[in-house]
Amino acid sequence: MTNPTNHTQDEIGEFVIAAHGDAEKAKALLAADPTLLHTRWDRTGETALDGAAHTGQAEMAEHLLAAGAPLDIFTAAMLGRTEAVIAFLDGDPDLVNAGGAHGIPLLVYAGLSGKVDLLELLVERGGGEEGHTGALHAASRRGYVDVARWVLDRGADSAAKDFAGKTPLEQATERNDEAMIALLREYGAEA
């Protein structure tokens, strides 16, 4: 499934990168050439669905799934599809500690869903603690105060920087998210 077509890696890369946050471009590329759906970019090992999932692009992920991309546990977690996550874990319990694109822990994808019950399910099933700080970043970017409180209660590092070099407080401040700022300060985050 890496490249069942004759696409160049540049063409595949353009599609995968677009799926990370430029939905209109990704949709146009897919409409022009539906065979892109099942390609994987060698540079990152990602499909377009992988890119949409780890960046929390729910609308893009739903579009790719509707076009025929296969659902995986990471996308299911990001979309908050708890029953699908349970089915994946019932089939392979070790997936609870698997890493998605770029090795991102499953707990982070669940953090993107905004569903505390999904995070609880993953931890109950043995999900790794290393994902708490990543889930905090996901919650902070999205404004999911309940998720942020949940992971902070479990030791997420409010001072840790994300891939862009920002703390959760910096993310919340950029969005003027007063509720998230107050929560993070309650847990000791400083500007």
Foldseek 3Di string as FASTA:
>chain_A
DAQPDPDDLVLLVVLLVCLLPVLVVNVVSCVVPVSSLPHARPVQRHRSLLNNQLNLVLVSNVVSVVSPRDDDLSNCLLQVVQVVVVVNCVVPVVLLQAAGGVRQHSLLSNLNNLDPVSNVVSVVSPHDLVNLQSSLLNCLLVVSLVSNLVSVVVPHDQQDADPVGDGSLRNNVVVVNVSSNVSSVVSPDDD
